[in-house]
Amino acid sequence: MTDVSTEHPDRLPAVELLEQGRSISFNKDCLGDVRVRRSVNNGPWDTLTEQARSPYVDQDYFPAGTHLLYEVELEQNNERKKYELEVSL
């Protein structure tokens, strides 16, 4: 199950489950950096990258039943925005 919590008009960022991991797609302003963070089973947040390009693929393995939260922070329309994506494996 994936649940996307976003107010972005294009429903982005979005997460897609792939064989090699989770692909996180997003739109951003041209030169803005994108930070991607992850929480596993409601644990502490870990920064995965601070200079992501779309799509960013999280290839870390997690067993079935794992609950993942992703936070995508990026610049849109000259404002910093944060979006949260939820994945249950």
PDB file of N, CA and C in Angstrom:
ATOM      1  N   MET A   1       0.841  -1.181   0.000  1.00  0.00           N
ATOM      2  CA  MET A   1       0.000   0.000   0.000  1.00  0.00           C
ATOM      3  C   MET A   1       0.878   1.233   0.000  1.00  0.00           C
ATOM      4  N   THR A   2       0.521   2.214  -0.788  1.00  0.00           N
ATOM      5  CA  THR A   2       1.198   3.504  -0.740  1.00  0.00           C
ATOM      6  C   THR A   2       0.151   4.575  -0.510  1.00  0.00           C
ATOM      7  N   ASP A   3       0.504   5.565   0.277  1.00  0.00           N
ATOM      8  CA  ASP A   3      -0.387   6.677   0.548  1.00  0.00           C
ATOM      9  C   ASP A   3       0.428   7.943   0.363  1.00  0.00           C
ATOM     10  N   VAL A   4      -0.030   8.822  -0.503  1.00  0.00           N
ATOM     11  CA  VAL A   4       0.686  10.056  -0.768  1.00  0.00           C
ATOM     12  C   VAL A   4      -0.066  11.197  -0.112  1.00  0.00           C
ATOM     13  N   SER A   5       0.610  11.916   0.766  1.00  0.00           N
ATOM     14  CA  SER A   5       0.038  13.067   1.431  1.00  0.00           C
ATOM     15  C   SER A   5       0.696  14.306   0.847  1.00  0.00           C
ATOM     16  N   THR A   6       0.003  14.974  -0.075  1.00  0.00           N
ATOM     17  CA  THR A   6       0.588  16.137  -0.726  1.00  0.00           C
ATOM     18  C   THR A   6      -0.499  17.087  -1.191  1.00  0.00           C
ATOM     19  N   GLU A   7      -0.194  18.360  -1.154  1.00  0.00           N
ATOM     20  CA  GLU A   7      -1.106  19.367  -1.689  1.00  0.00           C
ATOM     21  C   GLU A   7      -0.642  19.819  -3.067  1.00  0.00           C
ATOM     22  N   HIS A   8       0.396  19.212  -3.590  1.00  0.00           N
ATOM     23  CA  HIS A   8       0.928  19.595  -4.899  1.00  0.00           C
ATOM     24  C   HIS A   8      -0.120  19.308  -5.965  1.00  0.00           C
ATOM     25  N   PRO A   9      -0.376  20.248  -6.881  1.00  0.00           N
ATOM     26  CA  PRO A   9      -1.450  20.070  -7.865  1.00  0.00           C
ATOM     27  C   PRO A   9      -1.239  18.889  -8.810  1.00  0.00           C
ATOM     28  N   ASP A  10       0.003  18.484  -9.047  1.00  0.00           N
ATOM     29  CA  ASP A  10       0.270  17.369  -9.952  1.00  0.00           C
ATOM     30  C   ASP A  10       0.394  16.038  -9.214  1.00  0.00           C
ATOM     31  N   ARG A  11       0.009  16.003  -7.919  1.00  0.00           N
ATOM     32  CA  ARG A  11       0.105  14.785  -7.093  1.00  0.00           C
ATOM     33  C   ARG A  11       1.555  14.310  -6.991  1.00  0.00           C
ATOM     34  N   LEU A  12       2.488  15.228  -7.023  1.00  0.00           N
ATOM     35  CA  LEU A  12       3.901  14.910  -6.855  1.00  0.00           C
ATOM     36  C   LEU A  12       4.392  15.604  -5.604  1.00  0.00           C
ATOM     37  N   PRO A  13       5.292  15.067  -4.895  1.00  0.00           N
ATOM     38  CA  PRO A  13       6.026  13.839  -5.136  1.00  0.00           C
ATOM     39  C   PRO A  13       5.137  12.599  -5.092  1.00  0.00           C
ATOM     40  N   ALA A  14       5.648  11.553  -5.704  1.00  0.00           N
ATOM     41  CA  ALA A  14       4.952  10.266  -5.734  1.00  0.00           C
ATOM     42  C   ALA A  14       5.976   9.170  -5.512  1.00  0.00           C
ATOM     43  N   VAL A  15       5.525   8.051  -4.956  1.00  0.00           N
ATOM     44  CA  VAL A  15       6.411   6.913  -4.725  1.00  0.00           C
ATOM     45  C   VAL A  15       5.844   5.710  -5.466  1.00  0.00           C
ATOM     46  N   GLU A  16       6.745   4.939  -6.069  1.00  0.00           N
ATOM     47  CA  GLU A  16       6.358   3.741  -6.811  1.00  0.00           C
ATOM     48  C   GLU A  16       7.231   2.592  -6.339  1.00  0.00           C
ATOM     49  N   LEU A  17       6.611   1.449  -6.085  1.00  0.00           N
ATOM     50  CA  LEU A  17       7.367   0.274  -5.667  1.00  0.00           C
ATOM     51  C   LEU A  17       7.931  -0.437  -6.890  1.00  0.00           C
ATOM     52  N   LEU A  18       9.232  -0.684  -6.878  1.00  0.00           N
ATOM     53  CA  LEU A  18       9.929  -1.369  -7.958  1.00  0.00           C
ATOM     54  C   LEU A  18      10.636  -2.591  -7.388  1.00  0.00           C
ATOM     55  N   GLU A  19      11.097  -3.482  -8.247  1.00  0.00           N
ATOM     56  CA  GLU A  19      11.865  -4.631  -7.768  1.00  0.00           C
ATOM     57  C   GLU A  19      13.119  -4.188  -7.036  1.00  0.00           C
ATOM     58  N   GLN A  20      13.763  -3.127  -7.503  1.00  0.00           N
ATOM     59  CA  GLN A  20      15.009  -2.693  -6.903  1.00  0.00           C
ATOM     60  C   GLN A  20      14.838  -1.706  -5.755  1.00  0.00           C
ATOM     61  N   GLY A  21      13.592  -1.388  -5.376  1.00  0.00           N
ATOM     62  CA  GLY A  21      13.371  -0.479  -4.244  1.00  0.00           C
ATOM     63  C   GLY A  21      12.155   0.393  -4.456  1.00  0.00           C
ATOM     64  N   ARG A  22      12.212   1.620  -3.918  1.00  0.00           N
ATOM     65  CA  ARG A  22      11.134   2.583  -4.028  1.00  0.00           C
ATOM     66  C   ARG A  22      11.629   3.782  -4.823  1.00  0.00           C
ATOM     67  N   SER A  23      10.902   4.112  -5.888  1.00  0.00           N
ATOM     68  CA  SER A  23      11.252   5.239  -6.748  1.00  0.00           C
ATOM     69  C   SER A  23      10.405   6.439  -6.335  1.00  0.00           C
ATOM     70  N   ILE A  24      11.068   7.532  -5.974  1.00  0.00           N
ATOM     71  CA  ILE A  24      10.383   8.747  -5.541  1.00  0.00           C
ATOM     72  C   ILE A  24      10.569   9.793  -6.635  1.00  0.00           C
ATOM     73  N   SER A  25       9.450  10.214  -7.232  1.00  0.00           N
ATOM     74  CA  SER A  25       9.468  11.201  -8.313  1.00  0.00           C
ATOM     75  C   SER A  25       8.954  12.532  -7.787  1.00  0.00           C
ATOM     76  N   PHE A  26       9.513  13.616  -8.301  1.00  0.00           N
ATOM     77  CA  PHE A  26       9.098  14.947  -7.867  1.00  0.00           C
ATOM     78  C   PHE A  26       9.450  15.966  -8.930  1.00  0.00           C
ATOM     79  N   ASN A  27       8.774  17.107  -8.867  1.00  0.00           N
ATOM     80  CA  ASN A  27       9.108  18.277  -9.681  1.00  0.00           C
ATOM     81  C   ASN A  27       9.717  19.299  -8.750  1.00  0.00           C
ATOM     82  N   LYS A  28      10.714  20.015  -9.249  1.00  0.00           N
ATOM     83  CA  LYS A  28      11.354  21.030  -8.420  1.00  0.00           C
ATOM     84  C   LYS A  28      11.761  22.200  -9.293  1.00  0.00           C
ATOM     85  N   ASP A  29      12.032  23.325  -8.651  1.00  0.00           N
ATOM     86  CA  ASP A  29      12.563  24.464  -9.377  1.00  0.00           C
ATOM     87  C   ASP A  29      13.954  24.114  -9.908  1.00  0.00           C
ATOM     88  N   CYS A  30      14.340  24.758 -10.958  1.00  0.00           N
ATOM     89  CA  CYS A  30      15.512  24.379 -11.748  1.00  0.00           C
ATOM     90  C   CYS A  30      16.780  24.110 -10.941  1.00  0.00           C
ATOM     91  N   LEU A  31      17.214  25.004 -10.110  1.00  0.00           N
ATOM     92  CA  LEU A  31      18.491  24.842  -9.417  1.00  0.00           C
ATOM     93  C   LEU A  31      18.337  24.458  -7.951  1.00  0.00           C
ATOM     94  N   GLY A  32      17.139  24.270  -7.490  1.00  0.00           N
ATOM     95  CA  GLY A  32      16.927  23.977  -6.074  1.00  0.00           C
ATOM     96  C   GLY A  32      17.373  22.576  -5.693  1.00  0.00           C
ATOM     97  N   ASP A  33      17.962  22.451  -4.505  1.00  0.00           N
ATOM     98  CA  ASP A  33      18.332  21.147  -3.979  1.00  0.00           C
ATOM     99  C   ASP A  33      17.106  20.464  -3.388  1.00  0.00           C
ATOM    100  N   VAL A  34      17.165  19.141  -3.350  1.00  0.00           N
ATOM    101  CA  VAL A  34      16.067  18.350  -2.802  1.00  0.00           C
ATOM    102  C   VAL A  34      16.626  17.435  -1.728  1.00  0.00           C
ATOM    103  N   ARG A  35      16.040  17.485  -0.544  1.00  0.00           N
ATOM    104  CA  ARG A  35      16.443  16.604   0.550  1.00  0.00           C
ATOM    105  C   ARG A  35      15.408  15.495   0.680  1.00  0.00           C
ATOM    106  N   VAL A  36      15.887  14.252   0.781  1.00  0.00           N
ATOM    107  CA  VAL A  36      15.014  13.104   0.994  1.00  0.00           C
ATOM    108  C   VAL A  36      15.419  12.467   2.309  1.00  0.00           C
ATOM    109  N   ARG A  37      14.437  12.310   3.207  1.00  0.00           N
ATOM    110  CA  ARG A  37      14.668  11.672   4.509  1.00  0.00           C
ATOM    111  C   ARG A  37      13.722  10.493   4.633  1.00  0.00           C
ATOM    112  N   ARG A  38      14.094   9.537   5.524  1.00  0.00           N
ATOM    113  CA  ARG A  38      13.276   8.324   5.691  1.00  0.00           C
ATOM    114  C   ARG A  38      13.209   7.955   7.161  1.00  0.00           C
ATOM    115  N   SER A  39      12.021   7.493   7.563  1.00  0.00           N
ATOM    116  CA  SER A  39      11.791   6.927   8.893  1.00  0.00           C
ATOM    117  C   SER A  39      11.290   5.501   8.693  1.00  0.00           C
ATOM    118  N   VAL A  40      11.885   4.554   9.419  1.00  0.00           N
ATOM    119  CA  VAL A  40      11.517   3.143   9.318  1.00  0.00           C
ATOM    120  C   VAL A  40      10.748   2.755  10.577  1.00  0.00           C
ATOM    121  N   ASN A  41       9.525   2.251  10.410  1.00  0.00           N
ATOM    122  CA  ASN A  41       8.683   1.810  11.532  1.00  0.00           C
ATOM    123  C   ASN A  41       8.582   2.875  12.622  1.00  0.00           C
ATOM    124  N   ASN A  42       8.354   4.124  12.181  1.00  0.00           N
ATOM    125  CA  ASN A  42       8.180   5.281  13.072  1.00  0.00           C
ATOM    126  C   ASN A  42       9.412   5.571  13.927  1.00  0.00           C
ATOM    127  N   GLY A  43      10.574   5.155  13.455  1.00  0.00           N
ATOM    128  CA  GLY A  43      11.833   5.433  14.138  1.00  0.00           C
ATOM    129  C   GLY A  43      12.342   6.820  13.788  1.00  0.00           C
ATOM    130  N   PRO A  44      13.597   7.101  14.144  1.00  0.00           N
ATOM    131  CA  PRO A  44      14.173   8.420  13.858  1.00  0.00           C
ATOM    132  C   PRO A  44      14.329   8.643  12.355  1.00  0.00           C
ATOM    133  N   TRP A  45      14.372   9.906  11.976  1.00  0.00           N
ATOM    134  CA  TRP A  45      14.545  10.277  10.576  1.00  0.00           C
ATOM    135  C   TRP A  45      16.017  10.202  10.199  1.00  0.00           C
ATOM    136  N   ASP A  46      16.296   9.607   9.043  1.00  0.00           N
ATOM    137  CA  ASP A  46      17.641   9.554   8.471  1.00  0.00           C
ATOM    138  C   ASP A  46      17.625  10.317   7.155  1.00  0.00           C
ATOM    139  N   THR A  47      18.622  11.157   6.949  1.00  0.00           N
ATOM    140  CA  THR A  47      18.750  11.855   5.673  1.00  0.00           C
ATOM    141  C   THR A  47      19.397  10.911   4.674  1.00  0.00           C
ATOM    142  N   LEU A  48      18.704  10.644   3.567  1.00  0.00           N
ATOM    143  CA  LEU A  48      19.226   9.772   2.525  1.00  0.00           C
ATOM    144  C   LEU A  48      20.080  10.548   1.531  1.00  0.00           C
ATOM    145  N   THR A  49      19.662  11.768   1.194  1.00  0.00           N
ATOM    146  CA  THR A  49      20.419  12.620   0.287  1.00  0.00           C
ATOM    147  C   THR A  49      19.944  14.057   0.440  1.00  0.00           C
ATOM    148  N   GLU A  50      20.828  14.990   0.117  1.00  0.00           N
ATOM    149  CA  GLU A  50      20.459  16.402   0.138  1.00  0.00           C
ATOM    150  C   GLU A  50      20.524  17.013  -1.250  1.00  0.00           C
ATOM    151  N   GLN A  51      20.886  16.213  -2.241  1.00  0.00           N
ATOM    152  CA  GLN A  51      20.957  16.730  -3.609  1.00  0.00           C
ATOM    153  C   GLN A  51      20.317  15.731  -4.570  1.00  0.00           C
ATOM    154  N   ALA A  52      19.104  15.348  -4.287  1.00  0.00           N
ATOM    155  CA  ALA A  52      18.412  14.342  -5.098  1.00  0.00           C
ATOM    156  C   ALA A  52      17.997  14.902  -6.447  1.00  0.00           C
ATOM    157  N   ARG A  53      17.956  14.031  -7.401  1.00  0.00           N
ATOM    158  CA  ARG A  53      17.388  14.316  -8.718  1.00  0.00           C
ATOM    159  C   ARG A  53      16.268  13.316  -8.940  1.00  0.00           C
ATOM    160  N   SER A  54      15.270  13.700  -9.693  1.00  0.00           N
ATOM    161  CA  SER A  54      14.103  12.843  -9.896  1.00  0.00           C
ATOM    162  C   SER A  54      14.320  11.890 -11.060  1.00  0.00           C
ATOM    163  N   PRO A  55      13.950  10.642 -10.899  1.00  0.00           N
ATOM    164  CA  PRO A  55      13.470  10.009  -9.669  1.00  0.00           C
ATOM    165  C   PRO A  55      14.642   9.566  -8.785  1.00  0.00           C
ATOM    166  N   TYR A  56      14.429   9.617  -7.488  1.00  0.00           N
ATOM    167  CA  TYR A  56      15.400   9.116  -6.521  1.00  0.00           C
ATOM    168  C   TYR A  56      14.947   7.705  -6.147  1.00  0.00           C
ATOM    169  N   VAL A  57      15.867   6.730  -6.181  1.00  0.00           N
ATOM    170  CA  VAL A  57      15.508   5.351  -5.863  1.00  0.00           C
ATOM    171  C   VAL A  57      16.184   4.935  -4.567  1.00  0.00           C
ATOM    172  N   ASP A  58      15.372   4.564  -3.582  1.00  0.00           N
ATOM    173  CA  ASP A  58      15.858   4.015  -2.314  1.00  0.00           C
ATOM    174  C   ASP A  58      15.963   2.508  -2.509  1.00  0.00           C
ATOM    175  N   GLN A  59      17.189   2.000  -2.563  1.00  0.00           N
ATOM    176  CA  GLN A  59      17.414   0.593  -2.853  1.00  0.00           C
ATOM    177  C   GLN A  59      17.647  -0.250  -1.610  1.00  0.00           C
ATOM    178  N   ASP A  60      17.546   0.332  -0.425  1.00  0.00           N
ATOM    179  CA  ASP A  60      17.725  -0.447   0.803  1.00  0.00           C
ATOM    180  C   ASP A  60      16.630  -1.506   0.915  1.00  0.00           C
ATOM    181  N   TYR A  61      17.011  -2.694   1.386  1.00  0.00           N
ATOM    182  CA  TYR A  61      16.058  -3.799   1.525  1.00  0.00           C
ATOM    183  C   TYR A  61      15.334  -3.705   2.862  1.00  0.00           C
ATOM    184  N   PHE A  62      14.030  -3.949   2.824  1.00  0.00           N
ATOM    185  CA  PHE A  62      13.210  -4.049   4.025  1.00  0.00           C
ATOM    186  C   PHE A  62      12.244  -5.203   3.846  1.00  0.00           C
ATOM    187  N   PRO A  63      12.004  -5.989   4.902  1.00  0.00           N
ATOM    188  CA  PRO A  63      11.092  -7.128   4.782  1.00  0.00           C
ATOM    189  C   PRO A  63       9.630  -6.678   4.713  1.00  0.00           C
ATOM    190  N   ALA A  64       8.785  -7.592   4.266  1.00  0.00           N
ATOM    191  CA  ALA A  64       7.343  -7.335   4.243  1.00  0.00           C
ATOM    192  C   ALA A  64       6.888  -6.946   5.646  1.00  0.00           C
ATOM    193  N   GLY A  65       5.946  -6.029   5.710  1.00  0.00           N
ATOM    194  CA  GLY A  65       5.430  -5.554   6.984  1.00  0.00           C
ATOM    195  C   GLY A  65       6.123  -4.295   7.486  1.00  0.00           C
ATOM    196  N   THR A  66       7.179  -3.861   6.811  1.00  0.00           N
ATOM    197  CA  THR A  66       7.899  -2.644   7.210  1.00  0.00           C
ATOM    198  C   THR A  66       7.087  -1.419   6.805  1.00  0.00           C
ATOM    199  N   HIS A  67       7.054  -0.434   7.693  1.00  0.00           N
ATOM    200  CA  HIS A  67       6.360   0.829   7.446  1.00  0.00           C
ATOM    201  C   HIS A  67       7.426   1.904   7.210  1.00  0.00           C
ATOM    202  N   LEU A  68       7.365   2.550   6.053  1.00  0.00           N
ATOM    203  CA  LEU A  68       8.332   3.587   5.693  1.00  0.00           C
ATOM    204  C   LEU A  68       7.627   4.920   5.519  1.00  0.00           C
ATOM    205  N   LEU A  69       8.243   5.968   6.040  1.00  0.00           N
ATOM    206  CA  LEU A  69       7.807   7.332   5.781  1.00  0.00           C
ATOM    207  C   LEU A  69       8.955   8.039   5.082  1.00  0.00           C
ATOM    208  N   TYR A  70       8.649   8.746   4.008  1.00  0.00           N
ATOM    209  CA  TYR A  70       9.635   9.553   3.307  1.00  0.00           C
ATOM    210  C   TYR A  70       9.213  11.008   3.417  1.00  0.00           C
ATOM    211  N   GLU A  71      10.188  11.878   3.622  1.00  0.00           N
ATOM    212  CA  GLU A  71       9.952  13.308   3.601  1.00  0.00           C
ATOM    213  C   GLU A  71      10.781  13.888   2.463  1.00  0.00           C
ATOM    214  N   VAL A  72      10.127  14.604   1.570  1.00  0.00           N
ATOM    215  CA  VAL A  72      10.798  15.243   0.442  1.00  0.00           C
ATOM    216  C   VAL A  72      10.685  16.746   0.659  1.00  0.00           C
ATOM    217  N   GLU A  73      11.836  17.401   0.788  1.00  0.00           N
ATOM    218  CA  GLU A  73      11.865  18.851   0.974  1.00  0.00           C
ATOM    219  C   GLU A  73      12.505  19.468  -0.262  1.00  0.00           C
ATOM    220  N   LEU A  74      11.791  20.409  -0.888  1.00  0.00           N
ATOM    221  CA  LEU A  74      12.277  21.010  -2.123  1.00  0.00           C
ATOM    222  C   LEU A  74      11.765  22.425  -2.274  1.00  0.00           C
ATOM    223  N   GLU A  75      12.308  23.108  -3.268  1.00  0.00           N
ATOM    224  CA  GLU A  75      11.895  24.478  -3.527  1.00  0.00           C
ATOM    225  C   GLU A  75      10.907  24.509  -4.684  1.00  0.00           C
ATOM    226  N   GLN A  76       9.771  25.171  -4.452  1.00  0.00           N
ATOM    227  CA  GLN A  76       8.752  25.364  -5.474  1.00  0.00           C
ATOM    228  C   GLN A  76       8.246  26.792  -5.381  1.00  0.00           C
ATOM    229  N   ASN A  77       8.250  27.482  -6.504  1.00  0.00           N
ATOM    230  CA  ASN A  77       7.763  28.865  -6.536  1.00  0.00           C
ATOM    231  C   ASN A  77       8.446  29.730  -5.489  1.00  0.00           C
ATOM    232  N   ASN A  78       9.773  29.575  -5.367  1.00  0.00           N
ATOM    233  CA  ASN A  78      10.597  30.350  -4.435  1.00  0.00           C
ATOM    234  C   ASN A  78      10.244  30.105  -2.972  1.00  0.00           C
ATOM    235  N   GLU A  79       9.630  28.977  -2.655  1.00  0.00           N
ATOM    236  CA  GLU A  79       9.325  28.599  -1.273  1.00  0.00           C
ATOM    237  C   GLU A  79       9.835  27.195  -1.021  1.00  0.00           C
ATOM    238  N   ARG A  80      10.319  26.936   0.213  1.00  0.00           N
ATOM    239  CA  ARG A  80      10.693  25.579   0.598  1.00  0.00           C
ATOM    240  C   ARG A  80       9.420  24.847   1.008  1.00  0.00           C
ATOM    241  N   LYS A  81       9.199  23.665   0.432  1.00  0.00           N
ATOM    242  CA  LYS A  81       8.021  22.850   0.718  1.00  0.00           C
ATOM    243  C   LYS A  81       8.463  21.488   1.226  1.00  0.00           C
ATOM    244  N   LYS A  82       7.650  20.876   2.084  1.00  0.00           N
ATOM    245  CA  LYS A  82       7.895  19.513   2.560  1.00  0.00           C
ATOM    246  C   LYS A  82       6.677  18.664   2.244  1.00  0.00           C
ATOM    247  N   TYR A  83       6.951  17.481   1.718  1.00  0.00           N
ATOM    248  CA  TYR A  83       5.894  16.527   1.405  1.00  0.00           C
ATOM    249  C   TYR A  83       6.231  15.204   2.077  1.00  0.00           C
ATOM    250  N   GLU A  84       5.224  14.486   2.502  1.00  0.00           N
ATOM    251  CA  GLU A  84       5.420  13.206   3.159  1.00  0.00           C
ATOM    252  C   GLU A  84       4.761  12.103   2.343  1.00  0.00           C
ATOM    253  N   LEU A  85       5.503  11.002   2.198  1.00  0.00           N
ATOM    254  CA  LEU A  85       5.019   9.827   1.466  1.00  0.00           C
ATOM    255  C   LEU A  85       5.082   8.647   2.413  1.00  0.00           C
ATOM    256  N   GLU A  86       4.054   7.818   2.388  1.00  0.00           N
ATOM    257  CA  GLU A  86       3.961   6.668   3.299  1.00  0.00           C
ATOM    258  C   GLU A  86       3.905   5.388   2.486  1.00  0.00           C
ATOM    259  N   VAL A  87       4.690   4.388   2.890  1.00  0.00           N
ATOM    260  CA  VAL A  87       4.735   3.111   2.195  1.00  0.00           C
ATOM    261  C   VAL A  87       4.658   1.990   3.225  1.00  0.00           C
ATOM    262  N   SER A  88       3.780   1.025   3.001  1.00  0.00           N
ATOM    263  CA  SER A  88       3.716  -0.184   3.808  1.00  0.00           C
ATOM    264  C   SER A  88       4.092  -1.342   2.897  1.00  0.00           C
ATOM    265  N   LEU A  89       5.147  -2.049   3.245  1.00  0.00           N
ATOM    266  CA  LEU A  89       5.615  -3.143   2.407  1.00  0.00           C
ATOM    267  C   LEU A  89       4.920  -4.442   2.771  1.00  0.00           C
TER     268      LEU A  89
END
